Amino acid sequence: LLVSRLLEFSLGINVAHEAGYIGSMLF
């Protein structure tokens, strides 16, 4: 969430990219 927020505010990426959040816990 922190990295995606930073990319959203600094590079203006689409907020919909947060959908990949589930992948970070699949380990």
PDB file of all heavy atoms in Angstrom:
ATOM      1  N   LEU A   1       0.818  -1.210   0.000  1.00  0.00           N
ATOM      2  CA  LEU A   1       0.000   0.000   0.000  1.00  0.00           C
ATOM      3  C   LEU A   1       0.852   1.261   0.000  1.00  0.00           C
ATOM      4  O   LEU A   1       0.570   2.230  -0.707  1.00  0.00           O
ATOM      5  CB  LEU A   1      -0.924  -0.012   1.217  1.00  0.00           C
ATOM      6  CG  LEU A   1      -2.047  -1.056   1.177  1.00  0.00           C
ATOM      7  CD1 LEU A   1      -2.784  -1.087   2.499  1.00  0.00           C
ATOM      8  CD2 LEU A   1      -3.009  -0.755   0.039  1.00  0.00           C
ATOM      9  N   LEU A   2       1.931   1.250   0.784  1.00  0.00           N
ATOM     10  CA  LEU A   2       2.802   2.414   0.847  1.00  0.00           C
ATOM     11  C   LEU A   2       3.460   2.684  -0.500  1.00  0.00           C
ATOM     12  O   LEU A   2       3.471   3.830  -0.986  1.00  0.00           O
ATOM     13  CB  LEU A   2       3.869   2.203   1.929  1.00  0.00           C
ATOM     14  CG  LEU A   2       4.901   3.321   2.090  1.00  0.00           C
ATOM     15  CD1 LEU A   2       4.210   4.626   2.497  1.00  0.00           C
ATOM     16  CD2 LEU A   2       5.953   2.941   3.125  1.00  0.00           C
ATOM     17  N   VAL A   3       3.989   1.634  -1.131  1.00  0.00           N
ATOM     18  CA  VAL A   3       4.671   1.802  -2.424  1.00  0.00           C
ATOM     19  C   VAL A   3       3.674   2.239  -3.491  1.00  0.00           C
ATOM     20  O   VAL A   3       3.962   3.132  -4.299  1.00  0.00           O
ATOM     21  CB  VAL A   3       5.379   0.493  -2.828  1.00  0.00           C
ATOM     22  CG1 VAL A   3       5.947   0.608  -4.243  1.00  0.00           C
ATOM     23  CG2 VAL A   3       6.484   0.159  -1.850  1.00  0.00           C
ATOM     24  N   SER A   4       2.489   1.631  -3.503  1.00  0.00           N
ATOM     25  CA  SER A   4       1.489   2.009  -4.520  1.00  0.00           C
ATOM     26  C   SER A   4       1.027   3.450  -4.329  1.00  0.00           C
ATOM     27  O   SER A   4       0.815   4.176  -5.311  1.00  0.00           O
ATOM     28  CB  SER A   4       0.301   1.053  -4.466  1.00  0.00           C
ATOM     29  OG  SER A   4      -0.362   1.138  -3.213  1.00  0.00           O
ATOM     30  N   ARG A   5       0.886   3.887  -3.073  1.00  0.00           N
ATOM     31  CA  ARG A   5       0.507   5.281  -2.818  1.00  0.00           C
ATOM     32  C   ARG A   5       1.605   6.241  -3.284  1.00  0.00           C
ATOM     33  O   ARG A   5       1.325   7.294  -3.873  1.00  0.00           O
ATOM     34  CB  ARG A   5       0.243   5.476  -1.326  1.00  0.00           C
ATOM     35  CG  ARG A   5      -1.013   4.809  -0.796  1.00  0.00           C
ATOM     36  CD  ARG A   5      -2.267   5.587  -1.184  1.00  0.00           C
ATOM     37  NE  ARG A   5      -3.423   5.112  -0.414  1.00  0.00           N
ATOM     38  CZ  ARG A   5      -4.244   4.158  -0.801  1.00  0.00           C
ATOM     39  NH1 ARG A   5      -4.042   3.559  -1.949  1.00  0.00           N
ATOM     40  NH2 ARG A   5      -5.279   3.800  -0.051  1.00  0.00           N
ATOM     41  N   LEU A   6       2.845   5.892  -3.008  1.00  0.00           N
ATOM     42  CA  LEU A   6       3.953   6.738  -3.455  1.00  0.00           C
ATOM     43  C   LEU A   6       3.991   6.844  -4.970  1.00  0.00           C
ATOM     44  O   LEU A   6       4.212   7.935  -5.530  1.00  0.00           O
ATOM     45  CB  LEU A   6       5.281   6.167  -2.936  1.00  0.00           C
ATOM     46  CG  LEU A   6       5.534   6.298  -1.429  1.00  0.00           C
ATOM     47  CD1 LEU A   6       6.821   5.584  -1.038  1.00  0.00           C
ATOM     48  CD2 LEU A   6       5.614   7.779  -1.025  1.00  0.00           C
ATOM     49  N   LEU A   7       3.775   5.731  -5.674  1.00  0.00           N
ATOM     50  CA  LEU A   7       3.753   5.772  -7.139  1.00  0.00           C
ATOM     51  C   LEU A   7       2.555   6.572  -7.641  1.00  0.00           C
ATOM     52  O   LEU A   7       2.655   7.290  -8.652  1.00  0.00           O
ATOM     53  CB  LEU A   7       3.690   4.346  -7.695  1.00  0.00           C
ATOM     54  CG  LEU A   7       4.933   3.477  -7.483  1.00  0.00           C
ATOM     55  CD1 LEU A   7       4.687   2.072  -8.007  1.00  0.00           C
ATOM     56  CD2 LEU A   7       6.147   4.090  -8.180  1.00  0.00           C
ATOM     57  N   GLU A   8       1.448   6.484  -6.936  1.00  0.00           N
ATOM     58  CA  GLU A   8       0.250   7.224  -7.338  1.00  0.00           C
ATOM     59  C   GLU A   8       0.470   8.728  -7.226  1.00  0.00           C
ATOM     60  O   GLU A   8       0.113   9.496  -8.138  1.00  0.00           O
ATOM     61  CB  GLU A   8      -0.923   6.792  -6.461  1.00  0.00           C
ATOM     62  CG  GLU A   8      -2.224   7.522  -6.755  1.00  0.00           C
ATOM     63  CD  GLU A   8      -3.312   7.155  -5.767  1.00  0.00           C
ATOM     64  OE1 GLU A   8      -3.137   6.164  -5.024  1.00  0.00           O
ATOM     65  OE2 GLU A   8      -4.327   7.871  -5.735  1.00  0.00           O
ATOM     66  N   PHE A   9       1.081   9.167  -6.122  1.00  0.00           N
ATOM     67  CA  PHE A   9       1.265  10.602  -5.916  1.00  0.00           C
ATOM     68  C   PHE A   9       2.451  11.172  -6.695  1.00  0.00           C
ATOM     69  O   PHE A   9       2.418  12.316  -7.138  1.00  0.00           O
ATOM     70  CB  PHE A   9       1.450  10.881  -4.423  1.00  0.00           C
ATOM     71  CG  PHE A   9       0.218  10.625  -3.616  1.00  0.00           C
ATOM     72  CD1 PHE A   9       0.274   9.898  -2.441  1.00  0.00           C
ATOM     73  CD2 PHE A   9      -1.024  11.108  -4.033  1.00  0.00           C
ATOM     74  CE1 PHE A   9      -0.869   9.658  -1.684  1.00  0.00           C
ATOM     75  CE2 PHE A   9      -2.165  10.862  -3.285  1.00  0.00           C
ATOM     76  CZ  PHE A   9      -2.088  10.144  -2.115  1.00  0.00           C
ATOM     77  N   SER A  10       3.514  10.350  -6.853  1.00  0.00           N
ATOM     78  CA  SER A  10       4.710  10.876  -7.520  1.00  0.00           C
ATOM     79  C   SER A  10       4.666  10.730  -9.041  1.00  0.00           C
ATOM     80  O   SER A  10       5.124  11.609  -9.762  1.00  0.00           O
ATOM     81  CB  SER A  10       5.964  10.164  -6.989  1.00  0.00           C
ATOM     82  OG  SER A  10       5.887   8.766  -7.243  1.00  0.00           O
ATOM     83  N   LEU A  11       4.094   9.629  -9.527  1.00  0.00           N
ATOM     84  CA  LEU A  11       4.078   9.380 -10.966  1.00  0.00           C
ATOM     85  C   LEU A  11       2.682   9.431 -11.560  1.00  0.00           C
ATOM     86  O   LEU A  11       2.531   9.307 -12.779  1.00  0.00           O
ATOM     87  CB  LEU A  11       4.708   8.007 -11.270  1.00  0.00           C
ATOM     88  CG  LEU A  11       6.159   7.816 -10.800  1.00  0.00           C
ATOM     89  CD1 LEU A  11       6.645   6.420 -11.137  1.00  0.00           C
ATOM     90  CD2 LEU A  11       7.062   8.862 -11.437  1.00  0.00           C
ATOM     91  N   GLY A  12       1.681   9.566 -10.721  1.00  0.00           N
ATOM     92  CA  GLY A  12       0.317   9.675 -11.216  1.00  0.00           C
ATOM     93  C   GLY A  12      -0.251   8.395 -11.803  1.00  0.00           C
ATOM     94  O   GLY A  12      -1.066   8.449 -12.720  1.00  0.00           O
ATOM     95  N   ILE A  13       0.161   7.245 -11.290  1.00  0.00           N
ATOM     96  CA  ILE A  13      -0.356   5.988 -11.825  1.00  0.00           C
ATOM     97  C   ILE A  13      -1.813   5.815 -11.417  1.00  0.00           C
ATOM     98  O   ILE A  13      -2.294   6.431 -10.463  1.00  0.00           O
ATOM     99  CB  ILE A  13       0.467   4.783 -11.335  1.00  0.00           C
ATOM    100  CG1 ILE A  13       0.271   4.595  -9.818  1.00  0.00           C
ATOM    101  CG2 ILE A  13       1.923   4.920 -11.669  1.00  0.00           C
ATOM    102  CD1 ILE A  13       0.773   3.270  -9.315  1.00  0.00           C
ATOM    103  N   ASN A  14      -2.516   4.952 -12.136  1.00  0.00           N
ATOM    104  CA  ASN A  14      -3.930   4.695 -11.885  1.00  0.00           C
ATOM    105  C   ASN A  14      -4.101   4.035 -10.524  1.00  0.00           C
ATOM    106  O   ASN A  14      -3.399   3.087 -10.173  1.00  0.00           O
ATOM    107  CB  ASN A  14      -4.470   3.782 -12.992  1.00  0.00           C
ATOM    108  CG  ASN A  14      -5.990   3.702 -12.957  1.00  0.00           C
ATOM    109  OD1 ASN A  14      -6.625   3.936 -11.936  1.00  0.00           O
ATOM    110  ND2 ASN A  14      -6.575   3.380 -14.101  1.00  0.00           N
ATOM    111  N   VAL A  15      -5.053   4.509  -9.748  1.00  0.00           N
ATOM    112  CA  VAL A  15      -5.293   3.961  -8.416  1.00  0.00           C
ATOM    113  C   VAL A  15      -5.763   2.503  -8.499  1.00  0.00           C
ATOM    114  O   VAL A  15      -5.652   1.736  -7.538  1.00  0.00           O
ATOM    115  CB  VAL A  15      -6.320   4.819  -7.663  1.00  0.00           C
ATOM    116  CG1 VAL A  15      -7.710   4.674  -8.297  1.00  0.00           C
ATOM    117  CG2 VAL A  15      -6.377   4.442  -6.189  1.00  0.00           C
ATOM    118  N   ALA A  16      -6.264   2.085  -9.678  1.00  0.00           N
ATOM    119  CA  ALA A  16      -6.751   0.716  -9.843  1.00  0.00           C
ATOM    120  C   ALA A  16      -5.635  -0.307  -9.722  1.00  0.00           C
ATOM    121  O   ALA A  16      -5.903  -1.501  -9.570  1.00  0.00           O
ATOM    122  CB  ALA A  16      -7.443   0.563 -11.199  1.00  0.00           C
ATOM    123  N   HIS A  17      -4.371   0.131  -9.798  1.00  0.00           N
ATOM    124  CA  HIS A  17      -3.258  -0.805  -9.652  1.00  0.00           C
ATOM    125  C   HIS A  17      -3.175  -1.372  -8.227  1.00  0.00           C
ATOM    126  O   HIS A  17      -2.419  -2.300  -7.989  1.00  0.00           O
ATOM    127  CB  HIS A  17      -1.936  -0.114  -9.998  1.00  0.00           C
ATOM    128  CG  HIS A  17      -1.784   0.155 -11.475  1.00  0.00           C
ATOM    129  ND1 HIS A  17      -1.768  -0.849 -12.411  1.00  0.00           N
ATOM    130  CD2 HIS A  17      -1.659   1.324 -12.160  1.00  0.00           C
ATOM    131  CE1 HIS A  17      -1.621  -0.314 -13.617  1.00  0.00           C
ATOM    132  NE2 HIS A  17      -1.558   0.996 -13.488  1.00  0.00           N
ATOM    133  N   GLU A  18      -3.932  -0.807  -7.309  1.00  0.00           N
ATOM    134  CA  GLU A  18      -3.963  -1.356  -5.957  1.00  0.00           C
ATOM    135  C   GLU A  18      -4.629  -2.730  -5.912  1.00  0.00           C
ATOM    136  O   GLU A  18      -4.569  -3.416  -4.895  1.00  0.00           O
ATOM    137  CB  GLU A  18      -4.705  -0.395  -5.030  1.00  0.00           C
ATOM    138  CG  GLU A  18      -3.962   0.913  -4.802  1.00  0.00           C
ATOM    139  CD  GLU A  18      -4.767   1.891  -3.965  1.00  0.00           C
ATOM    140  OE1 GLU A  18      -5.969   1.605  -3.757  1.00  0.00           O
ATOM    141  OE2 GLU A  18      -4.225   2.918  -3.525  1.00  0.00           O
ATOM    142  N   ALA A  19      -5.252  -3.143  -7.026  1.00  0.00           N
ATOM    143  CA  ALA A  19      -5.907  -4.452  -7.063  1.00  0.00           C
ATOM    144  C   ALA A  19      -4.920  -5.592  -6.853  1.00  0.00           C
ATOM    145  O   ALA A  19      -5.298  -6.694  -6.457  1.00  0.00           O
ATOM    146  CB  ALA A  19      -6.631  -4.636  -8.402  1.00  0.00           C
ATOM    147  N   GLY A  20      -3.642  -5.351  -7.114  1.00  0.00           N
ATOM    148  CA  GLY A  20      -2.631  -6.386  -6.939  1.00  0.00           C
ATOM    149  C   GLY A  20      -2.193  -6.581  -5.502  1.00  0.00           C
ATOM    150  O   GLY A  20      -1.302  -7.393  -5.224  1.00  0.00           O
ATOM    151  N   TYR A  21      -2.836  -5.866  -4.615  1.00  0.00           N
ATOM    152  CA  TYR A  21      -2.512  -5.919  -3.185  1.00  0.00           C
ATOM    153  C   TYR A  21      -2.509  -7.341  -2.623  1.00  0.00           C
ATOM    154  O   TYR A  21      -1.659  -7.706  -1.815  1.00  0.00           O
ATOM    155  CB  TYR A  21      -3.534  -5.031  -2.478  1.00  0.00           C
ATOM    156  CG  TYR A  21      -3.788  -5.265  -1.025  1.00  0.00           C
ATOM    157  CD1 TYR A  21      -2.975  -4.684  -0.065  1.00  0.00           C
ATOM    158  CD2 TYR A  21      -4.861  -6.032  -0.612  1.00  0.00           C
ATOM    159  CE1 TYR A  21      -3.234  -4.876   1.278  1.00  0.00           C
ATOM    160  CE2 TYR A  21      -5.133  -6.226   0.727  1.00  0.00           C
ATOM    161  CZ  TYR A  21      -4.312  -5.647   1.669  1.00  0.00           C
ATOM    162  OH  TYR A  21      -4.569  -5.845   2.993  1.00  0.00           O
ATOM    163  N   ILE A  22      -3.409  -8.191  -3.115  1.00  0.00           N
ATOM    164  CA  ILE A  22      -3.512  -9.554  -2.618  1.00  0.00           C
ATOM    165  C   ILE A  22      -2.230 -10.342  -2.894  1.00  0.00           C
ATOM    166  O   ILE A  22      -1.851 -11.237  -2.136  1.00  0.00           O
ATOM    167  CB  ILE A  22      -4.733 -10.259  -3.254  1.00  0.00           C
ATOM    168  CG1 ILE A  22      -4.858 -11.704  -2.781  1.00  0.00           C
ATOM    169  CG2 ILE A  22      -4.638 -10.247  -4.770  1.00  0.00           C
ATOM    170  CD1 ILE A  22      -5.047 -11.863  -1.323  1.00  0.00           C
ATOM    171  N   GLY A  23      -1.537  -9.997  -3.980  1.00  0.00           N
ATOM    172  CA  GLY A  23      -0.337 -10.745  -4.346  1.00  0.00           C
ATOM    173  C   GLY A  23       0.771 -10.659  -3.324  1.00  0.00           C
ATOM    174  O   GLY A  23       1.587 -11.582  -3.205  1.00  0.00           O
ATOM    175  N   SER A  24       0.821  -9.579  -2.571  1.00  0.00           N
ATOM    176  CA  SER A  24       1.914  -9.391  -1.622  1.00  0.00           C
ATOM    177  C   SER A  24       1.855 -10.369  -0.460  1.00  0.00           C
ATOM    178  O   SER A  24       2.854 -10.573   0.238  1.00  0.00           O
ATOM    179  CB  SER A  24       1.893  -7.952  -1.087  1.00  0.00           C
ATOM    180  OG  SER A  24       0.694  -7.705  -0.370  1.00  0.00           O
ATOM    181  N   MET A  25       0.702 -11.007  -0.226  1.00  0.00           N
ATOM    182  CA  MET A  25       0.560 -11.908   0.917  1.00  0.00           C
ATOM    183  C   MET A  25       0.436 -13.369   0.507  1.00  0.00           C
ATOM    184  O   MET A  25       0.216 -14.237   1.355  1.00  0.00           O
ATOM    185  CB  MET A  25      -0.668 -11.509   1.749  1.00  0.00           C
ATOM    186  CG  MET A  25      -1.937 -11.424   0.954  1.00  0.00           C
ATOM    187  SD  MET A  25      -3.348 -10.831   1.913  1.00  0.00           S
ATOM    188  CE  MET A  25      -3.785 -12.328   2.772  1.00  0.00           C
ATOM    189  N   LEU A  26       0.623 -13.670  -0.773  1.00  0.00           N
ATOM    190  CA  LEU A  26       0.429 -15.044  -1.236  1.00  0.00           C
ATOM    191  C   LEU A  26       1.548 -15.985  -0.812  1.00  0.00           C
ATOM    192  O   LEU A  26       1.412 -17.206  -0.961  1.00  0.00           O
ATOM    193  CB  LEU A  26       0.286 -15.053  -2.766  1.00  0.00           C
ATOM    194  CG  LEU A  26      -0.994 -14.386  -3.296  1.00  0.00           C
ATOM    195  CD1 LEU A  26      -1.026 -14.403  -4.813  1.00  0.00           C
ATOM    196  CD2 LEU A  26      -2.241 -15.075  -2.740  1.00  0.00           C
ATOM    197  N   PHE A  27       2.632 -15.465  -0.272  1.00  0.00           N
ATOM    198  CA  PHE A  27       3.691 -16.340   0.241  1.00  0.00           C
ATOM    199  C   PHE A  27       3.218 -17.137   1.451  1.00  0.00           C
ATOM    200  O   PHE A  27       3.848 -18.118   1.848  1.00  0.00           O
ATOM    201  CB  PHE A  27       4.928 -15.524   0.629  1.00  0.00           C
ATOM    202  CG  PHE A  27       4.697 -14.529   1.723  1.00  0.00           C
ATOM    203  CD1 PHE A  27       4.788 -14.900   3.052  1.00  0.00           C
ATOM    204  CD2 PHE A  27       4.383 -13.212   1.427  1.00  0.00           C
ATOM    205  CE1 PHE A  27       4.566 -13.990   4.077  1.00  0.00           C
ATOM    206  CE2 PHE A  27       4.156 -12.288   2.436  1.00  0.00           C
ATOM    207  CZ  PHE A  27       4.251 -12.677   3.769  1.00  0.00           C
TER     208      PHE A  27
END
